[in-house]
């Protein structure tokens, strides 16, 4: 299983930076210099909800 993750990570340039990210209750979105990606969260631990800069964030731990 980890071989697939390693192959995907190897495709990301070393000088690429994350511009913004959001971790929600069911989805995670990442915006980088390369574009935007999203992934569904299948399961997780405790959820922390907080407000920052007028936006509501939910984080799974």
C-alpha atoms as a PDB file:
ATOM      1  CA  UNK A   1       0.000   0.000   0.000  1.00  0.00           C
ATOM      2  CA  UNK A   2       2.744   2.504   0.861  1.00  0.00           C
ATOM      3  CA  UNK A   3       4.348   2.021  -2.556  1.00  0.00           C
ATOM      4  CA  UNK A   4       1.391   3.830  -4.159  1.00  0.00           C
ATOM      5  CA  UNK A   5       1.678   6.758  -1.730  1.00  0.00           C
ATOM      6  CA  UNK A   6       5.435   6.969  -2.300  1.00  0.00           C
ATOM      7  CA  UNK A   7       4.923   7.039  -6.076  1.00  0.00           C
ATOM      8  CA  UNK A   8       2.355   9.849  -5.782  1.00  0.00           C
ATOM      9  CA  UNK A   9       4.546  11.883  -3.419  1.00  0.00           C
ATOM     10  CA  UNK A  10       7.514  11.504  -5.774  1.00  0.00           C
ATOM     11  CA  UNK A  11       5.497  13.350  -8.461  1.00  0.00           C
ATOM     12  CA  UNK A  12       5.358  16.525  -6.322  1.00  0.00           C
ATOM     13  CA  UNK A  13       8.263  18.896  -7.059  1.00  0.00           C
ATOM     14  CA  UNK A  14      10.458  19.700  -4.039  1.00  0.00           C
ATOM     15  CA  UNK A  15       9.968  23.442  -4.557  1.00  0.00           C
ATOM     16  CA  UNK A  16       6.141  23.293  -4.626  1.00  0.00           C
ATOM     17  CA  UNK A  17       4.329  25.142  -1.815  1.00  0.00           C
ATOM     18  CA  UNK A  18       0.845  24.890  -0.320  1.00  0.00           C
ATOM     19  CA  UNK A  19      -1.003  28.203  -0.655  1.00  0.00           C
ATOM     20  CA  UNK A  20      -4.155  27.285   1.281  1.00  0.00           C
ATOM     21  CA  UNK A  21      -5.935  24.241   2.685  1.00  0.00           C
ATOM     22  CA  UNK A  22      -9.262  23.399   4.288  1.00  0.00           C
ATOM     23  CA  UNK A  23      -9.988  20.280   6.318  1.00  0.00           C
ATOM     24  CA  UNK A  24     -13.724  19.722   6.612  1.00  0.00           C
ATOM     25  CA  UNK A  25     -15.938  17.070   8.120  1.00  0.00           C
ATOM     26  CA  UNK A  26     -15.980  14.952   4.952  1.00  0.00           C
ATOM     27  CA  UNK A  27     -13.560  16.591   2.502  1.00  0.00           C
ATOM     28  CA  UNK A  28     -10.042  18.013   2.475  1.00  0.00           C
ATOM     29  CA  UNK A  29      -8.984  20.602  -0.133  1.00  0.00           C
ATOM     30  CA  UNK A  30      -5.432  21.726  -0.862  1.00  0.00           C
ATOM     31  CA  UNK A  31      -4.508  24.663  -3.103  1.00  0.00           C
ATOM     32  CA  UNK A  32      -0.893  24.723  -4.264  1.00  0.00           C
ATOM     33  CA  UNK A  33       1.149  26.314  -7.014  1.00  0.00           C
ATOM     34  CA  UNK A  34       0.354  23.228  -9.117  1.00  0.00           C
ATOM     35  CA  UNK A  35      -3.434  23.511  -8.750  1.00  0.00           C
ATOM     36  CA  UNK A  36      -6.192  22.344  -6.427  1.00  0.00           C
ATOM     37  CA  UNK A  37      -6.774  18.844  -5.074  1.00  0.00           C
ATOM     38  CA  UNK A  38      -9.547  17.331  -2.984  1.00  0.00           C
ATOM     39  CA  UNK A  39      -9.892  14.088  -1.059  1.00  0.00           C
ATOM     40  CA  UNK A  40     -12.757  12.502   0.824  1.00  0.00           C
ATOM     41  CA  UNK A  41     -12.196  11.744   4.504  1.00  0.00           C
ATOM     42  CA  UNK A  42     -13.423   8.217   5.181  1.00  0.00           C
ATOM     43  CA  UNK A  43     -12.920   8.045   8.922  1.00  0.00           C
ATOM     44  CA  UNK A  44     -11.116   9.912  11.624  1.00  0.00           C
ATOM     45  CA  UNK A  45     -10.809  10.758  15.268  1.00  0.00           C
ATOM     46  CA  UNK A  46     -12.116  13.651  17.289  1.00  0.00           C
ATOM     47  CA  UNK A  47     -13.296  16.770  15.471  1.00  0.00           C
ATOM     48  CA  UNK A  48     -12.150  20.237  16.542  1.00  0.00           C
ATOM     49  CA  UNK A  49     -14.227  23.156  15.254  1.00  0.00           C
ATOM     50  CA  UNK A  50     -12.911  26.717  15.400  1.00  0.00           C
ATOM     51  CA  UNK A  51     -13.389  30.084  13.744  1.00  0.00           C
ATOM     52  CA  UNK A  52     -10.475  32.056  12.324  1.00  0.00           C
ATOM     53  CA  UNK A  53     -10.592  35.160  10.166  1.00  0.00           C
ATOM     54  CA  UNK A  54     -14.351  34.911   9.735  1.00  0.00           C
ATOM     55  CA  UNK A  55     -14.156  31.299   8.441  1.00  0.00           C
ATOM     56  CA  UNK A  56     -15.293  28.145  10.205  1.00  0.00           C
ATOM     57  CA  UNK A  57     -12.814  25.252  10.244  1.00  0.00           C
ATOM     58  CA  UNK A  58     -13.292  21.618  11.241  1.00  0.00           C
ATOM     59  CA  UNK A  59     -10.218  19.502  11.936  1.00  0.00           C
ATOM     60  CA  UNK A  60     -10.106  15.784  12.553  1.00  0.00           C
ATOM     61  CA  UNK A  61      -7.461  14.511  14.962  1.00  0.00           C
END
